[in-house]
């Protein structure tokens, strides 16, 4: 099950992008995760100060 970013909680800080080992996080007003590229490592969730990332 891939990780997802809750757009209502995301503050677009970029911490998750720097932690993703496969570049699965897409930048925008709020960030999103490409489920096809996500390797479910959880590094992004650990790095998120807003607790906006969870496994779906």
PDB file of N, CA and C in Angstrom:
ATOM      1  N   UNK A   1       0.834  -1.184   0.000  1.00  0.00           N
ATOM      2  CA  UNK A   1       0.000   0.000   0.000  1.00  0.00           C
ATOM      3  C   UNK A   1       0.879   1.248   0.000  1.00  0.00           C
ATOM      4  N   UNK A   2       0.741   2.053  -0.994  1.00  0.00           N
ATOM      5  CA  UNK A   2       1.559   3.251  -1.136  1.00  0.00           C
ATOM      6  C   UNK A   2       1.173   4.310  -0.104  1.00  0.00           C
ATOM      7  N   UNK A   3       2.076   5.243   0.079  1.00  0.00           N
ATOM      8  CA  UNK A   3       1.814   6.378   0.956  1.00  0.00           C
ATOM      9  C   UNK A   3       1.078   7.450   0.168  1.00  0.00           C
ATOM     10  N   UNK A   4       0.283   8.251   0.870  1.00  0.00           N
ATOM     11  CA  UNK A   4      -0.435   9.370   0.270  1.00  0.00           C
ATOM     12  C   UNK A   4      -0.247  10.601   1.138  1.00  0.00           C
ATOM     13  N   UNK A   5      -0.393  11.759   0.520  1.00  0.00           N
ATOM     14  CA  UNK A   5      -0.287  13.028   1.237  1.00  0.00           C
ATOM     15  C   UNK A   5      -1.669  13.658   1.311  1.00  0.00           C
ATOM     16  N   UNK A   6      -2.101  13.981   2.512  1.00  0.00           N
ATOM     17  CA  UNK A   6      -3.390  14.647   2.726  1.00  0.00           C
ATOM     18  C   UNK A   6      -3.231  16.106   2.313  1.00  0.00           C
ATOM     19  N   UNK A   7      -3.920  16.533   1.248  1.00  0.00           N
ATOM     20  CA  UNK A   7      -3.747  17.911   0.767  1.00  0.00           C
ATOM     21  C   UNK A   7      -4.239  18.961   1.772  1.00  0.00           C
ATOM     22  N   UNK A   8      -5.115  18.570   2.679  1.00  0.00           N
ATOM     23  CA  UNK A   8      -5.603  19.512   3.689  1.00  0.00           C
ATOM     24  C   UNK A   8      -4.579  19.748   4.795  1.00  0.00           C
ATOM     25  N   UNK A   9      -3.629  18.836   4.943  1.00  0.00           N
ATOM     26  CA  UNK A   9      -2.601  18.971   5.986  1.00  0.00           C
ATOM     27  C   UNK A   9      -1.248  19.405   5.444  1.00  0.00           C
ATOM     28  N   UNK A  10      -0.992  19.146   4.160  1.00  0.00           N
ATOM     29  CA  UNK A  10       0.307  19.441   3.554  1.00  0.00           C
ATOM     30  C   UNK A  10       0.586  20.946   3.564  1.00  0.00           C
ATOM     31  N   UNK A  11       1.774  21.320   4.044  1.00  0.00           N
ATOM     32  CA  UNK A  11       2.183  22.721   4.073  1.00  0.00           C
ATOM     33  C   UNK A  11       3.240  23.024   3.008  1.00  0.00           C
ATOM     34  N   UNK A  12       3.476  22.069   2.119  1.00  0.00           N
ATOM     35  CA  UNK A  12       4.412  22.220   0.991  1.00  0.00           C
ATOM     36  C   UNK A  12       5.803  22.681   1.438  1.00  0.00           C
ATOM     37  N   UNK A  13       6.300  22.069   2.511  1.00  0.00           N
ATOM     38  CA  UNK A  13       7.610  22.458   3.033  1.00  0.00           C
ATOM     39  C   UNK A  13       8.765  21.832   2.256  1.00  0.00           C
ATOM     40  N   UNK A  14       8.508  20.688   1.588  1.00  0.00           N
ATOM     41  CA  UNK A  14       9.542  20.036   0.806  1.00  0.00           C
ATOM     42  C   UNK A  14      10.379  19.018   1.554  1.00  0.00           C
ATOM     43  N   UNK A  15      10.156  18.854   2.840  1.00  0.00           N
ATOM     44  CA  UNK A  15      10.954  17.883   3.606  1.00  0.00           C
ATOM     45  C   UNK A  15      10.839  16.483   3.025  1.00  0.00           C
ATOM     46  N   UNK A  16       9.652  16.100   2.606  1.00  0.00           N
ATOM     47  CA  UNK A  16       9.433  14.749   2.089  1.00  0.00           C
ATOM     48  C   UNK A  16      10.198  14.503   0.793  1.00  0.00           C
ATOM     49  N   UNK A  17      10.265  15.507  -0.064  1.00  0.00           N
ATOM     50  CA  UNK A  17      10.959  15.345  -1.351  1.00  0.00           C
ATOM     51  C   UNK A  17      12.421  14.985  -1.143  1.00  0.00           C
ATOM     52  N   UNK A  18      13.037  15.629  -0.170  1.00  0.00           N
ATOM     53  CA  UNK A  18      14.449  15.378   0.102  1.00  0.00           C
ATOM     54  C   UNK A  18      14.718  13.998   0.676  1.00  0.00           C
ATOM     55  N   UNK A  19      13.708  13.383   1.254  1.00  0.00           N
ATOM     56  CA  UNK A  19      13.885  12.069   1.877  1.00  0.00           C
ATOM     57  C   UNK A  19      13.509  10.908   0.972  1.00  0.00           C
ATOM     58  N   UNK A  20      12.740  11.143  -0.071  1.00  0.00           N
ATOM     59  CA  UNK A  20      12.278  10.057  -0.942  1.00  0.00           C
ATOM     60  C   UNK A  20      13.437   9.504  -1.777  1.00  0.00           C
ATOM     61  N   UNK A  21      13.769   8.222  -1.593  1.00  0.00           N
ATOM     62  CA  UNK A  21      14.917   7.663  -2.310  1.00  0.00           C
ATOM     63  C   UNK A  21      14.674   7.403  -3.793  1.00  0.00           C
ATOM     64  N   UNK A  22      13.406   7.444  -4.225  1.00  0.00           N
ATOM     65  CA  UNK A  22      13.105   7.136  -5.626  1.00  0.00           C
ATOM     66  C   UNK A  22      12.474   8.310  -6.373  1.00  0.00           C
ATOM     67  N   UNK A  23      12.368   9.463  -5.749  1.00  0.00           N
ATOM     68  CA  UNK A  23      11.817  10.641  -6.416  1.00  0.00           C
ATOM     69  C   UNK A  23      10.345  10.520  -6.756  1.00  0.00           C
ATOM     70  N   UNK A  24       9.575   9.879  -5.886  1.00  0.00           N
ATOM     71  CA  UNK A  24       8.156   9.641  -6.165  1.00  0.00           C
ATOM     72  C   UNK A  24       7.252  10.801  -5.758  1.00  0.00           C
ATOM     73  N   UNK A  25       7.812  11.831  -5.145  1.00  0.00           N
ATOM     74  CA  UNK A  25       6.999  12.937  -4.646  1.00  0.00           C
ATOM     75  C   UNK A  25       6.993  14.071  -5.661  1.00  0.00           C
ATOM     76  N   UNK A  26       5.788  14.540  -5.963  1.00  0.00           N
ATOM     77  CA  UNK A  26       5.587  15.592  -6.955  1.00  0.00           C
ATOM     78  C   UNK A  26       5.294  16.910  -6.254  1.00  0.00           C
ATOM     79  N   UNK A  27       5.991  17.965  -6.668  1.00  0.00           N
ATOM     80  CA  UNK A  27       5.865  19.280  -6.051  1.00  0.00           C
ATOM     81  C   UNK A  27       4.658  20.023  -6.623  1.00  0.00           C
ATOM     82  N   UNK A  28       4.045  20.864  -5.794  1.00  0.00           N
ATOM     83  CA  UNK A  28       2.924  21.693  -6.212  1.00  0.00           C
ATOM     84  C   UNK A  28       2.485  22.561  -5.053  1.00  0.00           C
ATOM     85  N   UNK A  29       1.284  23.144  -5.145  1.00  0.00           N
ATOM     86  CA  UNK A  29       0.757  23.923  -4.030  1.00  0.00           C
ATOM     87  C   UNK A  29       0.689  23.042  -2.784  1.00  0.00           C
ATOM     88  N   UNK A  30       0.278  21.811  -2.992  1.00  0.00           N
ATOM     89  CA  UNK A  30       0.436  20.751  -2.001  1.00  0.00           C
ATOM     90  C   UNK A  30       1.126  19.625  -2.759  1.00  0.00           C
ATOM     91  N   UNK A  31       1.854  18.813  -2.070  1.00  0.00           N
ATOM     92  CA  UNK A  31       2.630  17.760  -2.719  1.00  0.00           C
ATOM     93  C   UNK A  31       1.787  16.500  -2.868  1.00  0.00           C
ATOM     94  N   UNK A  32       2.221  15.623  -3.766  1.00  0.00           N
ATOM     95  CA  UNK A  32       1.536  14.347  -3.958  1.00  0.00           C
ATOM     96  C   UNK A  32       2.586  13.268  -4.210  1.00  0.00           C
ATOM     97  N   UNK A  33       2.161  12.024  -4.077  1.00  0.00           N
ATOM     98  CA  UNK A  33       3.072  10.894  -4.251  1.00  0.00           C
ATOM     99  C   UNK A  33       2.596  10.043  -5.413  1.00  0.00           C
ATOM    100  N   UNK A  34       3.492   9.752  -6.334  1.00  0.00           N
ATOM    101  CA  UNK A  34       3.193   8.873  -7.449  1.00  0.00           C
ATOM    102  C   UNK A  34       3.196   7.444  -6.914  1.00  0.00           C
ATOM    103  N   UNK A  35       2.009   6.852  -6.799  1.00  0.00           N
ATOM    104  CA  UNK A  35       1.860   5.515  -6.212  1.00  0.00           C
ATOM    105  C   UNK A  35       2.613   4.448  -7.002  1.00  0.00           C
ATOM    106  N   UNK A  36       2.765   4.649  -8.298  1.00  0.00           N
ATOM    107  CA  UNK A  36       3.471   3.663  -9.118  1.00  0.00           C
ATOM    108  C   UNK A  36       4.972   3.644  -8.830  1.00  0.00           C
ATOM    109  N   UNK A  37       5.501   4.750  -8.345  1.00  0.00           N
ATOM    110  CA  UNK A  37       6.932   4.840  -8.056  1.00  0.00           C
ATOM    111  C   UNK A  37       7.255   4.621  -6.581  1.00  0.00           C
ATOM    112  N   UNK A  38       6.270   4.787  -5.707  1.00  0.00           N
ATOM    113  CA  UNK A  38       6.478   4.679  -4.262  1.00  0.00           C
ATOM    114  C   UNK A  38       6.920   3.259  -3.891  1.00  0.00           C
ATOM    115  N   UNK A  39       8.005   3.163  -3.101  1.00  0.00           N
ATOM    116  CA  UNK A  39       8.508   1.860  -2.653  1.00  0.00           C
ATOM    117  C   UNK A  39       8.104   1.570  -1.201  1.00  0.00           C
ATOM    118  N   UNK A  40       7.219   2.401  -0.664  1.00  0.00           N
ATOM    119  CA  UNK A  40       6.626   2.203   0.660  1.00  0.00           C
ATOM    120  C   UNK A  40       7.658   2.131   1.780  1.00  0.00           C
ATOM    121  N   UNK A  41       8.687   2.949   1.699  1.00  0.00           N
ATOM    122  CA  UNK A  41       9.733   2.926   2.722  1.00  0.00           C
ATOM    123  C   UNK A  41       9.361   3.727   3.963  1.00  0.00           C
ATOM    124  N   UNK A  42       8.471   4.724   3.813  1.00  0.00           N
ATOM    125  CA  UNK A  42       8.028   5.523   4.945  1.00  0.00           C
ATOM    126  C   UNK A  42       8.912   6.702   5.292  1.00  0.00           C
ATOM    127  N   UNK A  43       9.974   6.913   4.540  1.00  0.00           N
ATOM    128  CA  UNK A  43      10.880   8.026   4.829  1.00  0.00           C
ATOM    129  C   UNK A  43      10.164   9.366   4.740  1.00  0.00           C
ATOM    130  N   UNK A  44       9.266   9.500   3.808  1.00  0.00           N
ATOM    131  CA  UNK A  44       8.529  10.752   3.636  1.00  0.00           C
ATOM    132  C   UNK A  44       7.652  11.044   4.849  1.00  0.00           C
ATOM    133  N   UNK A  45       6.961  10.027   5.339  1.00  0.00           N
ATOM    134  CA  UNK A  45       6.077  10.190   6.499  1.00  0.00           C
ATOM    135  C   UNK A  45       6.889  10.584   7.732  1.00  0.00           C
ATOM    136  N   UNK A  46       8.050   9.970   7.903  1.00  0.00           N
ATOM    137  CA  UNK A  46       8.905  10.296   9.040  1.00  0.00           C
ATOM    138  C   UNK A  46       9.404  11.735   8.977  1.00  0.00           C
ATOM    139  N   UNK A  47       9.579  12.271   7.764  1.00  0.00           N
ATOM    140  CA  UNK A  47      10.127  13.614   7.592  1.00  0.00           C
ATOM    141  C   UNK A  47       9.074  14.720   7.632  1.00  0.00           C
ATOM    142  N   UNK A  48       7.799  14.355   7.594  1.00  0.00           N
ATOM    143  CA  UNK A  48       6.723  15.351   7.481  1.00  0.00           C
ATOM    144  C   UNK A  48       6.385  15.978   8.839  1.00  0.00           C
ATOM    145  N   UNK A  49       6.637  17.293   8.990  1.00  0.00           N
ATOM    146  CA  UNK A  49       6.350  17.952  10.271  1.00  0.00           C
ATOM    147  C   UNK A  49       4.850  18.170  10.502  1.00  0.00           C
ATOM    148  N   UNK A  50       4.058  18.111   9.422  1.00  0.00           N
ATOM    149  CA  UNK A  50       2.619  18.333   9.533  1.00  0.00           C
ATOM    150  C   UNK A  50       1.825  17.034   9.699  1.00  0.00           C
ATOM    151  N   UNK A  51       2.534  15.914   9.715  1.00  0.00           N
ATOM    152  CA  UNK A  51       1.891  14.588   9.800  1.00  0.00           C
ATOM    153  C   UNK A  51       0.807  14.426   8.723  1.00  0.00           C
ATOM    154  N   UNK A  52       1.141  14.872   7.508  1.00  0.00           N
ATOM    155  CA  UNK A  52       0.200  14.833   6.392  1.00  0.00           C
ATOM    156  C   UNK A  52       0.327  13.575   5.548  1.00  0.00           C
ATOM    157  N   UNK A  53       1.309  12.738   5.838  1.00  0.00           N
ATOM    158  CA  UNK A  53       1.567  11.575   5.002  1.00  0.00           C
ATOM    159  C   UNK A  53       1.242  10.302   5.774  1.00  0.00           C
ATOM    160  N   UNK A  54       0.473   9.435   5.123  1.00  0.00           N
ATOM    161  CA  UNK A  54       0.095   8.173   5.761  1.00  0.00           C
ATOM    162  C   UNK A  54      -0.015   7.084   4.700  1.00  0.00           C
ATOM    163  N   UNK A  55       0.012   5.868   5.155  1.00  0.00           N
ATOM    164  CA  UNK A  55      -0.116   4.729   4.243  1.00  0.00           C
ATOM    165  C   UNK A  55      -1.595   4.476   3.986  1.00  0.00           C
ATOM    166  N   UNK A  56      -1.914   4.234   2.722  1.00  0.00           N
ATOM    167  CA  UNK A  56      -3.318   4.028   2.352  1.00  0.00           C
ATOM    168  C   UNK A  56      -3.614   2.572   2.144  1.00  0.00           C
TER     169      UNK A  56
END
